[in-house]
N, C-alpha and C. Protein backbone atom coordinates (compact mmCIF):
# COMPACT_ATOMS: atom_id res chain seq x y z
N MET A 1 149.88 179.83 95.27
CA MET A 1 151.31 180.06 95.23
C MET A 1 151.83 179.89 93.79
N LEU A 2 152.69 180.80 93.36
CA LEU A 2 153.29 180.69 92.04
C LEU A 2 154.22 179.53 91.93
N PRO A 3 154.32 178.84 90.78
CA PRO A 3 155.28 177.72 90.67
C PRO A 3 156.73 178.26 90.74
N PRO A 4 157.60 177.48 91.28
CA PRO A 4 159.06 177.93 91.37
C PRO A 4 159.69 178.07 89.98
N ARG A 5 160.40 179.16 89.81
CA ARG A 5 161.05 179.40 88.51
C ARG A 5 162.47 178.78 88.52
N VAL A 6 162.65 177.95 87.48
CA VAL A 6 163.86 177.20 87.30
C VAL A 6 164.55 177.55 86.02
N LEU A 7 165.84 177.86 86.07
CA LEU A 7 166.59 178.12 84.84
C LEU A 7 167.56 176.92 84.57
N LEU A 8 167.37 176.28 83.43
CA LEU A 8 168.31 175.21 83.02
C LEU A 8 169.29 175.75 82.06
N VAL A 9 170.57 175.66 82.37
CA VAL A 9 171.67 176.14 81.48
C VAL A 9 172.39 174.91 80.95
N ASP A 10 172.12 174.57 79.72
CA ASP A 10 172.71 173.40 79.12
C ASP A 10 172.62 173.50 77.60
N ASP A 11 173.72 173.17 76.92
CA ASP A 11 173.76 173.33 75.46
C ASP A 11 173.11 172.16 74.73
N ASP A 12 172.65 171.12 75.42
CA ASP A 12 172.01 170.03 74.89
C ASP A 12 170.50 170.37 74.72
N THR A 13 170.10 170.80 73.57
CA THR A 13 168.68 171.31 73.32
C THR A 13 167.73 170.21 73.57
N GLU A 14 167.96 168.98 73.15
CA GLU A 14 167.02 167.89 73.33
C GLU A 14 166.80 167.66 74.83
N LEU A 15 167.89 167.61 75.58
CA LEU A 15 167.74 167.46 76.99
C LEU A 15 166.98 168.58 77.69
N ALA A 16 167.37 169.84 77.28
CA ALA A 16 166.67 170.96 77.84
C ALA A 16 165.15 170.94 77.60
N ASN A 17 164.74 170.52 76.41
CA ASN A 17 163.30 170.41 76.12
C ASN A 17 162.62 169.35 76.89
N SER A 18 163.28 168.23 77.08
CA SER A 18 162.73 167.11 77.84
C SER A 18 162.56 167.50 79.30
N VAL A 19 163.64 168.13 79.86
CA VAL A 19 163.58 168.54 81.27
C VAL A 19 162.53 169.63 81.47
N SER A 20 162.41 170.58 80.52
CA SER A 20 161.38 171.66 80.67
C SER A 20 160.00 171.04 80.64
N ASP A 21 159.76 170.16 79.72
CA ASP A 21 158.42 169.52 79.59
C ASP A 21 158.06 168.82 80.92
N TYR A 22 159.07 168.08 81.45
CA TYR A 22 158.72 167.35 82.73
C TYR A 22 158.53 168.27 83.88
N LEU A 23 159.39 169.35 83.99
CA LEU A 23 159.23 170.24 85.13
C LEU A 23 157.89 170.99 85.09
N ARG A 24 157.34 171.25 83.91
CA ARG A 24 156.04 171.89 83.84
C ARG A 24 154.97 170.99 84.44
N ILE A 25 155.05 169.65 84.09
CA ILE A 25 154.16 168.68 84.62
C ILE A 25 154.27 168.61 86.16
N GLU A 26 155.45 168.85 86.69
CA GLU A 26 155.70 168.76 88.10
C GLU A 26 155.48 170.11 88.81
N ASN A 27 154.85 171.07 88.13
CA ASN A 27 154.45 172.36 88.68
C ASN A 27 155.63 173.29 88.93
N PHE A 28 156.64 173.27 88.04
CA PHE A 28 157.65 174.22 88.04
C PHE A 28 157.44 175.13 86.83
N GLU A 29 158.07 176.30 86.87
CA GLU A 29 158.06 177.17 85.71
C GLU A 29 159.51 177.25 85.14
N PRO A 30 159.78 176.41 84.12
CA PRO A 30 161.19 176.30 83.61
C PRO A 30 161.44 177.33 82.52
N ALA A 31 162.73 177.70 82.39
CA ALA A 31 163.25 178.40 81.25
C ALA A 31 164.60 177.76 80.97
N SER A 32 165.10 177.90 79.76
CA SER A 32 166.37 177.28 79.40
C SER A 32 167.28 178.22 78.65
N ALA A 33 168.54 178.05 78.79
CA ALA A 33 169.58 178.82 78.13
C ALA A 33 170.67 177.92 77.60
N PRO A 34 171.09 178.02 76.33
CA PRO A 34 172.07 177.09 75.76
C PRO A 34 173.55 177.51 76.09
N ASP A 35 173.67 178.67 76.71
CA ASP A 35 175.04 179.08 77.02
C ASP A 35 175.06 180.11 78.15
N ALA A 36 176.20 180.47 78.61
CA ALA A 36 176.36 181.41 79.71
C ALA A 36 175.83 182.78 79.41
N SER A 37 176.04 183.19 78.15
CA SER A 37 175.63 184.52 77.76
C SER A 37 174.10 184.66 77.81
N THR A 38 173.41 183.71 77.30
CA THR A 38 171.91 183.72 77.38
C THR A 38 171.47 183.61 78.78
N ALA A 39 172.07 182.75 79.57
CA ALA A 39 171.67 182.62 80.94
C ALA A 39 171.85 183.95 81.69
N ARG A 40 172.95 184.66 81.42
CA ARG A 40 173.21 185.90 82.07
C ARG A 40 172.06 186.94 81.73
N ARG A 41 171.65 186.99 80.51
CA ARG A 41 170.58 187.86 80.09
C ARG A 41 169.26 187.51 80.76
N LEU A 42 168.95 186.25 80.83
CA LEU A 42 167.63 185.81 81.42
C LEU A 42 167.62 186.15 82.91
N ILE A 43 168.75 185.91 83.57
CA ILE A 43 168.85 186.18 85.01
C ILE A 43 168.71 187.69 85.26
N ALA A 44 169.25 188.50 84.38
CA ALA A 44 169.14 189.93 84.55
C ALA A 44 167.69 190.43 84.35
N GLU A 45 166.96 189.70 83.45
CA GLU A 45 165.60 190.15 83.20
C GLU A 45 164.66 189.84 84.30
N SER A 46 164.79 188.68 84.97
CA SER A 46 163.93 188.34 86.08
C SER A 46 164.57 187.28 86.92
N PRO A 47 164.38 187.31 88.26
CA PRO A 47 165.05 186.36 89.12
C PRO A 47 164.48 184.92 89.02
N PHE A 48 165.35 184.03 89.33
CA PHE A 48 164.92 182.58 89.40
C PHE A 48 165.07 182.04 90.81
N ASP A 49 164.29 181.05 91.13
CA ASP A 49 164.34 180.41 92.43
C ASP A 49 165.46 179.47 92.58
N VAL A 50 165.84 178.81 91.46
CA VAL A 50 166.96 177.88 91.45
C VAL A 50 167.50 177.79 90.05
N ILE A 51 168.81 177.49 89.93
CA ILE A 51 169.45 177.31 88.63
C ILE A 51 170.05 175.97 88.53
N VAL A 52 169.78 175.25 87.42
CA VAL A 52 170.37 173.97 87.11
C VAL A 52 171.43 174.24 85.99
N LEU A 53 172.71 173.94 86.38
CA LEU A 53 173.82 174.43 85.54
C LEU A 53 174.74 173.28 85.08
N ASP A 54 174.79 173.10 83.81
CA ASP A 54 175.70 172.08 83.25
C ASP A 54 177.13 172.60 83.31
N ILE A 55 178.07 171.78 83.79
CA ILE A 55 179.44 172.18 83.93
C ILE A 55 180.13 172.27 82.54
N MET A 56 179.92 171.23 81.71
CA MET A 56 180.61 171.18 80.44
C MET A 56 179.82 171.87 79.35
N MET A 57 180.17 173.05 78.96
CA MET A 57 179.52 173.75 77.82
C MET A 57 180.51 174.43 76.98
N PRO A 58 180.25 174.56 75.66
CA PRO A 58 181.22 175.26 74.85
C PRO A 58 181.30 176.75 75.18
N GLY A 59 182.49 177.37 74.89
CA GLY A 59 182.66 178.75 75.24
C GLY A 59 182.94 178.81 76.77
N GLU A 60 182.18 179.68 77.44
CA GLU A 60 182.29 179.83 78.86
C GLU A 60 181.77 178.52 79.54
N SER A 61 182.50 177.95 80.40
CA SER A 61 182.02 176.75 81.07
C SER A 61 181.04 177.07 82.16
N GLY A 62 180.37 176.01 82.66
CA GLY A 62 179.48 176.22 83.78
C GLY A 62 180.18 176.74 85.02
N LEU A 63 181.44 176.30 85.17
CA LEU A 63 182.25 176.77 86.30
C LEU A 63 182.50 178.27 86.22
N ASP A 64 182.77 178.77 85.02
CA ASP A 64 182.99 180.22 84.83
C ASP A 64 181.67 180.97 85.29
N LEU A 65 180.53 180.50 84.81
CA LEU A 65 179.30 181.18 85.17
C LEU A 65 179.02 181.06 86.66
N LEU A 66 179.26 179.87 87.23
CA LEU A 66 179.10 179.67 88.67
C LEU A 66 179.92 180.66 89.48
N ARG A 67 181.16 180.78 89.13
CA ARG A 67 182.07 181.70 89.81
C ARG A 67 181.55 183.11 89.71
N GLU A 68 181.08 183.52 88.61
CA GLU A 68 180.52 184.89 88.45
C GLU A 68 179.27 185.10 89.23
N LEU A 69 178.35 184.14 89.21
CA LEU A 69 177.07 184.30 89.94
C LEU A 69 177.40 184.39 91.44
N ARG A 70 178.28 183.63 91.94
CA ARG A 70 178.53 183.63 93.41
C ARG A 70 179.17 184.93 93.94
N ARG A 71 179.58 185.78 93.02
CA ARG A 71 180.12 187.08 93.43
C ARG A 71 178.97 188.01 93.88
N THR A 72 177.77 187.80 93.25
CA THR A 72 176.67 188.76 93.44
C THR A 72 175.40 188.13 93.88
N SER A 73 175.26 186.77 93.88
CA SER A 73 173.96 186.13 94.12
C SER A 73 174.09 184.91 94.99
N ASP A 74 173.08 184.71 95.82
CA ASP A 74 173.08 183.41 96.60
C ASP A 74 171.97 182.49 96.13
N VAL A 75 171.48 182.64 94.87
CA VAL A 75 170.50 181.77 94.30
C VAL A 75 170.98 180.35 94.38
N PRO A 76 170.21 179.35 94.76
CA PRO A 76 170.67 178.01 94.79
C PRO A 76 171.02 177.47 93.41
N ILE A 77 172.12 176.74 93.35
CA ILE A 77 172.60 176.25 92.05
C ILE A 77 172.89 174.72 92.16
N LEU A 78 172.21 173.98 91.31
CA LEU A 78 172.45 172.55 91.18
C LEU A 78 173.28 172.26 89.93
N MET A 79 174.44 171.62 90.12
CA MET A 79 175.31 171.35 88.99
C MET A 79 174.88 170.04 88.32
N LEU A 80 175.07 170.01 86.98
CA LEU A 80 174.97 168.76 86.24
C LEU A 80 176.37 168.40 85.78
N THR A 81 176.77 167.22 86.09
CA THR A 81 178.15 166.75 85.71
C THR A 81 178.12 165.34 85.10
N ALA A 82 179.15 165.06 84.31
CA ALA A 82 179.30 163.66 83.82
C ALA A 82 179.94 162.86 84.94
N ARG A 83 179.83 161.57 84.84
CA ARG A 83 180.30 160.70 85.93
C ARG A 83 181.84 160.81 86.09
N ALA A 84 182.54 161.13 85.01
CA ALA A 84 184.00 161.16 85.09
C ALA A 84 184.54 162.52 85.56
N GLU A 85 183.66 163.48 85.84
CA GLU A 85 184.10 164.81 86.17
C GLU A 85 184.17 165.07 87.63
N GLU A 86 184.86 164.18 88.36
CA GLU A 86 184.90 164.33 89.83
C GLU A 86 185.59 165.61 90.28
N LEU A 87 186.72 165.94 89.57
CA LEU A 87 187.49 167.16 89.97
C LEU A 87 186.61 168.40 89.73
N ASP A 88 185.88 168.47 88.59
CA ASP A 88 185.01 169.59 88.35
C ASP A 88 183.86 169.70 89.36
N ARG A 89 183.40 168.52 89.80
CA ARG A 89 182.33 168.47 90.76
C ARG A 89 182.80 169.06 92.07
N VAL A 90 183.94 168.65 92.51
CA VAL A 90 184.53 169.19 93.76
C VAL A 90 184.70 170.69 93.68
N LEU A 91 185.31 171.10 92.50
CA LEU A 91 185.54 172.52 92.28
C LEU A 91 184.26 173.32 92.31
N GLY A 92 183.22 172.75 91.71
CA GLY A 92 181.93 173.44 91.68
C GLY A 92 181.37 173.64 93.08
N LEU A 93 181.48 172.64 93.94
CA LEU A 93 181.01 172.77 95.32
C LEU A 93 181.87 173.79 96.04
N GLU A 94 183.20 173.81 95.80
CA GLU A 94 184.03 174.76 96.44
C GLU A 94 183.70 176.17 95.98
N LEU A 95 183.24 176.32 94.77
CA LEU A 95 182.90 177.67 94.23
C LEU A 95 181.54 178.12 94.73
N GLY A 96 180.74 177.22 95.33
CA GLY A 96 179.49 177.66 95.88
C GLY A 96 178.22 176.99 95.37
N ALA A 97 178.36 175.92 94.55
CA ALA A 97 177.17 175.15 94.16
C ALA A 97 176.61 174.49 95.38
N ASP A 98 175.25 174.32 95.39
CA ASP A 98 174.58 173.73 96.49
C ASP A 98 174.59 172.21 96.44
N ASP A 99 174.50 171.65 95.24
CA ASP A 99 174.50 170.19 95.12
C ASP A 99 174.77 169.85 93.71
N TYR A 100 174.86 168.55 93.37
CA TYR A 100 175.17 168.15 92.00
C TYR A 100 174.34 166.96 91.64
N LEU A 101 174.19 166.67 90.38
CA LEU A 101 173.47 165.55 89.84
C LEU A 101 174.28 165.05 88.63
N THR A 102 174.58 163.74 88.56
CA THR A 102 175.44 163.22 87.48
C THR A 102 174.55 162.76 86.31
N LYS A 103 175.05 163.06 85.12
CA LYS A 103 174.41 162.60 83.91
C LYS A 103 174.88 161.18 83.61
N PRO A 104 173.96 160.35 83.04
CA PRO A 104 172.53 160.64 82.86
C PRO A 104 171.75 160.48 84.13
N PHE A 105 170.63 161.23 84.25
CA PHE A 105 169.83 161.20 85.50
C PHE A 105 168.40 161.03 85.16
N HIS A 106 167.65 160.60 86.15
CA HIS A 106 166.21 160.43 85.99
C HIS A 106 165.54 161.79 86.23
N LEU A 107 164.59 162.15 85.44
CA LEU A 107 163.86 163.38 85.61
C LEU A 107 163.19 163.46 86.97
N ARG A 108 162.73 162.36 87.49
CA ARG A 108 162.08 162.38 88.80
C ARG A 108 163.10 162.72 89.84
N GLU A 109 164.32 162.29 89.72
CA GLU A 109 165.37 162.61 90.69
C GLU A 109 165.69 164.08 90.67
N LEU A 110 165.76 164.66 89.45
CA LEU A 110 166.00 166.10 89.33
C LEU A 110 164.90 166.86 90.06
N ALA A 111 163.65 166.55 89.81
CA ALA A 111 162.57 167.25 90.41
C ALA A 111 162.67 167.13 91.99
N ALA A 112 163.06 165.93 92.43
CA ALA A 112 163.19 165.70 93.94
C ALA A 112 164.27 166.57 94.48
N ARG A 113 165.41 166.68 93.71
CA ARG A 113 166.51 167.49 94.26
C ARG A 113 166.10 168.98 94.28
N LEU A 114 165.39 169.39 93.25
CA LEU A 114 164.94 170.81 93.23
C LEU A 114 163.97 171.09 94.41
N ARG A 115 163.09 170.18 94.68
CA ARG A 115 162.11 170.38 95.79
C ARG A 115 162.84 170.42 97.11
N ALA A 116 163.90 169.58 97.23
CA ALA A 116 164.66 169.57 98.52
C ALA A 116 165.36 170.91 98.70
N ILE A 117 165.92 171.42 97.64
CA ILE A 117 166.60 172.77 97.72
C ILE A 117 165.55 173.86 98.12
N LEU A 118 164.40 173.83 97.43
CA LEU A 118 163.37 174.83 97.80
C LEU A 118 162.81 174.71 99.17
N ARG A 119 162.69 173.48 99.66
CA ARG A 119 162.20 173.30 101.03
C ARG A 119 163.17 173.97 102.04
N ARG A 120 164.41 173.88 101.75
CA ARG A 120 165.41 174.50 102.70
C ARG A 120 165.18 176.03 102.75
N LEU A 121 164.77 176.58 101.62
CA LEU A 121 164.65 178.04 101.58
C LEU A 121 163.29 178.56 102.06
N HIS A 122 162.28 177.72 102.15
CA HIS A 122 160.97 178.19 102.45
C HIS A 122 160.36 177.39 103.65
N ARG A 123 161.12 177.29 104.73
CA ARG A 123 160.64 176.57 105.88
C ARG A 123 159.84 177.59 106.71
N GLY A 124 158.57 177.24 106.98
CA GLY A 124 157.71 178.17 107.73
C GLY A 124 157.78 177.92 109.21
N ALA A 125 158.07 176.70 109.60
CA ALA A 125 158.04 176.40 111.04
C ALA A 125 159.43 176.32 111.63
N ASN A 126 159.42 176.23 112.96
CA ASN A 126 160.65 176.07 113.72
C ASN A 126 161.65 177.20 113.48
N GLN A 127 161.06 178.40 113.44
CA GLN A 127 161.92 179.55 113.20
C GLN A 127 162.54 180.02 114.53
N GLN A 128 163.85 180.15 114.58
CA GLN A 128 164.52 180.58 115.78
C GLN A 128 165.92 181.07 115.49
N ARG A 129 166.53 181.63 116.49
CA ARG A 129 167.97 182.10 116.34
C ARG A 129 168.81 181.21 117.26
N LEU A 130 169.87 180.65 116.69
CA LEU A 130 170.81 179.83 117.39
C LEU A 130 172.10 180.61 117.57
N ARG A 131 172.68 180.46 118.78
CA ARG A 131 173.89 181.18 119.13
C ARG A 131 174.87 180.19 119.76
N ILE A 132 176.18 180.36 119.34
CA ILE A 132 177.24 179.61 120.00
C ILE A 132 178.56 180.29 119.65
N GLY A 133 179.34 180.65 120.68
CA GLY A 133 180.67 181.17 120.51
C GLY A 133 180.76 182.38 119.55
N GLY A 134 179.88 183.30 119.68
CA GLY A 134 179.91 184.49 118.81
C GLY A 134 179.28 184.29 117.44
N LEU A 135 178.80 183.08 117.15
CA LEU A 135 178.17 182.76 115.92
C LEU A 135 176.69 182.74 116.12
N SER A 136 175.94 183.50 115.27
CA SER A 136 174.51 183.61 115.38
C SER A 136 173.87 183.15 114.04
N LEU A 137 172.88 182.30 114.16
CA LEU A 137 172.18 181.76 112.99
C LEU A 137 170.67 181.95 113.09
N ASP A 138 170.07 182.61 112.13
CA ASP A 138 168.67 182.95 112.18
C ASP A 138 167.94 182.03 111.11
N THR A 139 167.14 181.12 111.60
CA THR A 139 166.45 180.20 110.66
C THR A 139 165.36 180.84 109.84
N SER A 140 164.75 181.89 110.31
CA SER A 140 163.71 182.55 109.63
C SER A 140 164.19 183.37 108.42
N SER A 141 165.33 184.05 108.61
CA SER A 141 165.87 184.83 107.47
C SER A 141 167.01 184.15 106.72
N LEU A 142 167.36 182.93 107.19
CA LEU A 142 168.45 182.17 106.56
C LEU A 142 169.76 183.02 106.56
N SER A 143 169.99 183.71 107.68
CA SER A 143 171.20 184.53 107.84
C SER A 143 172.10 184.08 108.91
N VAL A 144 173.34 184.32 108.76
CA VAL A 144 174.39 184.00 109.74
C VAL A 144 175.28 185.20 110.00
N GLU A 145 175.60 185.44 111.27
CA GLU A 145 176.57 186.49 111.64
C GLU A 145 177.60 185.97 112.52
N LEU A 146 178.81 186.47 112.35
CA LEU A 146 180.00 186.08 113.21
C LEU A 146 180.46 187.34 113.85
N ASP A 147 180.27 187.41 115.17
CA ASP A 147 180.55 188.63 115.92
C ASP A 147 179.92 189.90 115.31
N GLY A 148 178.64 189.70 114.89
CA GLY A 148 177.85 190.82 114.35
C GLY A 148 178.11 191.07 112.89
N VAL A 149 179.06 190.40 112.25
CA VAL A 149 179.34 190.63 110.83
C VAL A 149 178.67 189.47 110.01
N PRO A 150 177.80 189.85 109.02
CA PRO A 150 177.14 188.86 108.21
C PRO A 150 178.10 187.95 107.42
N LEU A 151 177.77 186.66 107.41
CA LEU A 151 178.52 185.70 106.55
C LEU A 151 177.70 185.34 105.38
N LYS A 152 178.26 185.22 104.21
CA LYS A 152 177.60 184.87 102.96
C LYS A 152 177.74 183.35 102.80
N LEU A 153 176.67 182.62 102.97
CA LEU A 153 176.69 181.18 102.87
C LEU A 153 175.71 180.74 101.83
N THR A 154 176.03 179.61 101.11
CA THR A 154 175.05 178.97 100.27
C THR A 154 173.94 178.33 101.13
N SER A 155 172.85 177.92 100.53
CA SER A 155 171.80 177.25 101.28
C SER A 155 172.31 175.97 101.86
N ALA A 156 173.11 175.23 101.20
CA ALA A 156 173.67 173.95 101.72
C ALA A 156 174.58 174.18 102.84
N GLU A 157 175.43 175.14 102.75
CA GLU A 157 176.31 175.48 103.87
C GLU A 157 175.57 175.92 105.09
N PHE A 158 174.52 176.72 104.85
CA PHE A 158 173.62 177.16 106.00
C PHE A 158 173.07 175.95 106.69
N MET A 159 172.56 174.97 105.90
CA MET A 159 171.86 173.84 106.53
C MET A 159 172.85 172.94 107.26
N VAL A 160 174.07 172.79 106.73
CA VAL A 160 175.10 172.05 107.48
C VAL A 160 175.39 172.68 108.78
N LEU A 161 175.60 174.01 108.76
CA LEU A 161 175.88 174.74 109.99
C LEU A 161 174.74 174.73 110.98
N GLU A 162 173.53 174.82 110.49
CA GLU A 162 172.35 174.75 111.43
C GLU A 162 172.30 173.36 112.11
N ALA A 163 172.49 172.35 111.31
CA ALA A 163 172.48 170.99 111.92
C ALA A 163 173.51 170.82 113.01
N LEU A 164 174.72 171.34 112.78
CA LEU A 164 175.77 171.23 113.76
C LEU A 164 175.46 172.12 114.99
N MET A 165 174.91 173.33 114.70
CA MET A 165 174.65 174.21 115.83
C MET A 165 173.49 173.71 116.73
N ARG A 166 172.59 172.96 116.14
CA ARG A 166 171.49 172.39 116.99
C ARG A 166 171.93 171.35 117.93
N LYS A 167 173.10 170.73 117.66
CA LYS A 167 173.60 169.71 118.53
C LYS A 167 175.09 169.91 118.79
N PRO A 168 175.46 171.05 119.42
CA PRO A 168 176.88 171.32 119.65
C PRO A 168 177.49 170.26 120.59
N GLY A 169 178.72 169.88 120.26
CA GLY A 169 179.43 168.88 121.07
C GLY A 169 179.01 167.47 120.73
N MET A 170 178.08 167.29 119.80
CA MET A 170 177.70 165.93 119.48
C MET A 170 178.22 165.59 118.08
N LEU A 171 178.62 164.32 117.92
CA LEU A 171 179.04 163.84 116.63
C LEU A 171 177.88 163.62 115.70
N LEU A 172 177.93 164.20 114.53
CA LEU A 172 176.95 164.06 113.54
C LEU A 172 177.56 163.36 112.34
N SER A 173 176.99 162.22 111.95
CA SER A 173 177.61 161.48 110.88
C SER A 173 177.43 162.19 109.53
N ARG A 174 178.20 161.80 108.54
CA ARG A 174 178.12 162.39 107.23
C ARG A 174 176.72 162.05 106.65
N SER A 175 176.21 160.87 106.92
CA SER A 175 174.92 160.53 106.41
C SER A 175 173.78 161.42 106.99
N VAL A 176 173.89 161.72 108.24
CA VAL A 176 172.87 162.59 108.95
C VAL A 176 172.96 163.98 108.37
N LEU A 177 174.21 164.50 108.18
CA LEU A 177 174.38 165.84 107.63
C LEU A 177 173.93 165.91 106.21
N THR A 178 174.14 164.86 105.41
CA THR A 178 173.66 164.86 104.04
C THR A 178 172.12 164.91 103.95
N GLU A 179 171.47 164.18 104.79
CA GLU A 179 170.00 164.21 104.84
C GLU A 179 169.53 165.61 105.32
N ALA A 180 170.20 166.12 106.30
CA ALA A 180 169.76 167.47 106.83
C ALA A 180 170.04 168.60 105.85
N ALA A 181 171.19 168.60 105.21
CA ALA A 181 171.58 169.71 104.39
C ALA A 181 171.13 169.58 102.92
N LEU A 182 171.14 168.36 102.40
CA LEU A 182 170.89 168.17 100.96
C LEU A 182 169.52 167.55 100.72
N GLY A 183 168.89 166.99 101.77
CA GLY A 183 167.59 166.37 101.60
C GLY A 183 167.64 165.10 100.90
N ARG A 184 168.74 164.35 100.88
CA ARG A 184 168.81 163.06 100.20
C ARG A 184 169.77 162.14 100.96
N PRO A 185 169.73 160.84 100.72
CA PRO A 185 170.60 159.95 101.35
C PRO A 185 172.07 160.11 100.86
N LEU A 186 172.99 159.77 101.73
CA LEU A 186 174.40 159.79 101.36
C LEU A 186 174.69 158.65 100.35
N GLU A 187 175.35 159.04 99.28
CA GLU A 187 175.64 158.07 98.23
C GLU A 187 177.11 157.59 98.36
N PRO A 188 177.45 156.40 97.87
CA PRO A 188 178.81 155.96 97.96
C PRO A 188 179.79 156.92 97.21
N TYR A 189 180.93 157.20 97.82
CA TYR A 189 181.96 158.10 97.30
C TYR A 189 181.51 159.55 97.16
N ASP A 190 180.42 159.92 97.80
CA ASP A 190 179.92 161.28 97.80
C ASP A 190 180.62 162.12 98.87
N ARG A 191 181.44 163.05 98.49
CA ARG A 191 182.21 163.93 99.37
C ARG A 191 181.57 165.35 99.52
N SER A 192 180.33 165.52 99.12
CA SER A 192 179.73 166.84 99.12
C SER A 192 179.82 167.49 100.48
N ILE A 193 179.36 166.73 101.54
CA ILE A 193 179.37 167.27 102.86
C ILE A 193 180.77 167.75 103.30
N ASP A 194 181.79 166.95 102.94
CA ASP A 194 183.16 167.37 103.35
C ASP A 194 183.58 168.66 102.68
N THR A 195 183.07 168.87 101.48
CA THR A 195 183.43 170.13 100.81
C THR A 195 182.67 171.28 101.40
N HIS A 196 181.36 171.10 101.75
CA HIS A 196 180.59 172.14 102.38
C HIS A 196 181.20 172.49 103.74
N VAL A 197 181.65 171.48 104.51
CA VAL A 197 182.29 171.81 105.80
C VAL A 197 183.59 172.56 105.63
N SER A 198 184.35 172.15 104.57
CA SER A 198 185.59 172.89 104.29
C SER A 198 185.36 174.34 103.91
N ASN A 199 184.24 174.57 103.17
CA ASN A 199 183.84 175.96 102.84
C ASN A 199 183.51 176.73 104.09
N LEU A 200 182.77 176.08 104.94
CA LEU A 200 182.35 176.77 106.24
C LEU A 200 183.61 177.15 107.06
N ARG A 201 184.48 176.23 107.17
CA ARG A 201 185.72 176.53 107.95
C ARG A 201 186.48 177.71 107.37
N ARG A 202 186.56 177.78 106.04
CA ARG A 202 187.24 178.85 105.35
C ARG A 202 186.51 180.19 105.60
N LYS A 203 185.18 180.19 105.54
CA LYS A 203 184.39 181.40 105.75
C LYS A 203 184.38 181.85 107.20
N LEU A 204 184.48 180.94 108.14
CA LEU A 204 184.54 181.30 109.51
C LEU A 204 185.92 181.90 109.85
N GLY A 205 186.93 181.55 109.09
CA GLY A 205 188.25 182.15 109.23
C GLY A 205 189.09 181.48 110.33
N SER A 206 190.36 181.78 110.35
CA SER A 206 191.34 181.07 111.18
C SER A 206 191.05 181.46 112.69
N ALA A 207 190.50 182.61 112.90
CA ALA A 207 190.20 183.04 114.35
C ALA A 207 188.80 182.76 114.75
N ARG A 208 188.19 181.74 114.10
CA ARG A 208 186.77 181.45 114.32
C ARG A 208 186.56 181.09 115.84
N PRO A 209 185.41 181.49 116.42
CA PRO A 209 185.09 181.22 117.84
C PRO A 209 184.56 179.77 118.00
N VAL A 210 184.26 179.10 116.89
CA VAL A 210 183.80 177.75 116.96
C VAL A 210 184.73 176.89 116.15
N ASP A 211 184.77 175.58 116.44
CA ASP A 211 185.64 174.69 115.70
C ASP A 211 184.81 173.55 115.23
N ILE A 212 184.85 173.25 113.91
CA ILE A 212 184.14 172.11 113.34
C ILE A 212 185.24 171.03 113.19
N ARG A 213 185.15 170.09 114.09
CA ARG A 213 186.16 169.03 114.14
C ARG A 213 185.75 167.81 113.36
N SER A 214 186.60 167.20 112.64
CA SER A 214 186.28 165.98 111.90
C SER A 214 186.70 164.78 112.71
N VAL A 215 185.84 163.74 112.67
CA VAL A 215 186.23 162.48 113.33
C VAL A 215 186.36 161.48 112.15
N ARG A 216 187.54 161.03 111.93
CA ARG A 216 187.86 160.28 110.70
C ARG A 216 186.94 159.11 110.53
N GLY A 217 186.28 159.07 109.35
CA GLY A 217 185.43 157.95 109.04
C GLY A 217 184.09 157.96 109.66
N GLN A 218 183.78 159.04 110.48
CA GLN A 218 182.51 159.08 111.19
C GLN A 218 181.70 160.35 110.87
N GLY A 219 182.26 161.53 111.09
CA GLY A 219 181.47 162.73 110.82
C GLY A 219 182.14 163.96 111.39
N TYR A 220 181.29 164.88 111.89
CA TYR A 220 181.79 166.17 112.40
C TYR A 220 181.13 166.58 113.68
N ILE A 221 181.91 167.34 114.49
CA ILE A 221 181.44 167.91 115.78
C ILE A 221 181.70 169.40 115.79
N LEU A 222 180.68 170.19 116.21
CA LEU A 222 180.93 171.62 116.44
C LEU A 222 181.12 171.93 117.87
N ARG A 223 182.20 172.59 118.21
CA ARG A 223 182.51 173.00 119.55
C ARG A 223 182.86 174.45 119.65
N ALA A 224 182.49 175.10 120.75
CA ALA A 224 182.95 176.49 120.99
C ALA A 224 184.38 176.46 121.48
N GLU A 225 185.19 177.40 120.94
CA GLU A 225 186.58 177.46 121.34
C GLU A 225 186.67 177.88 122.80
N ALA A 226 187.76 177.60 123.47
CA ALA A 226 187.94 177.98 124.87
C ALA A 226 187.78 179.49 125.04
N GLY A 227 187.03 179.89 126.00
CA GLY A 227 186.88 181.32 126.29
C GLY A 227 185.66 181.90 125.53
N SER A 228 185.01 181.14 124.59
CA SER A 228 183.87 181.63 123.90
C SER A 228 182.64 181.33 124.67
N PRO A 229 181.60 182.24 124.71
CA PRO A 229 180.39 181.98 125.43
C PRO A 229 179.57 180.89 124.75
């Protein structure tokens, strides 16, 4: 099997070199870009399995590039943010990033996050189609349809929806959803799952045949609306 191709977009050359060296040891195939323009060229030349994107860059920000990529691509994107950039982190998740990692970070943690993302995309077992209230989810093709119309979801949004659809009517805690969707434990003050659920609600639309209900301080429940099969 070929090593997963990872693109690191960060203007910190020293960090990019350190990350690239470590990822090679961990059996990834890394490439790096110091800015959005270079990243855009590398992506056009050949596809990547996952992109690691720094939010704060000179010129075009990581958010600008993220917004552009999500118009045409569902490649998984892991954001890098500073600890004080909570608003940018939330905005990045709303724009379609799959997860985030705060700087400074351990290289081992970055590799673990990347493997968790890739595991979500390449699951060979337990392939099936789930249906509830006009909503259909295919775990083999990672596709979702609402009344026969395809929905464009990020990998994290897909995994949140799959976890909820596997246990309709049951309360799933935020910690359970974080483990299922992001492959990591829930961290203090981490609102990633709440943002992914908010994105799902928006994409399902106001006339959605299922309702993702929040239980304050506990988690979420998926229910079919009245009259839905």
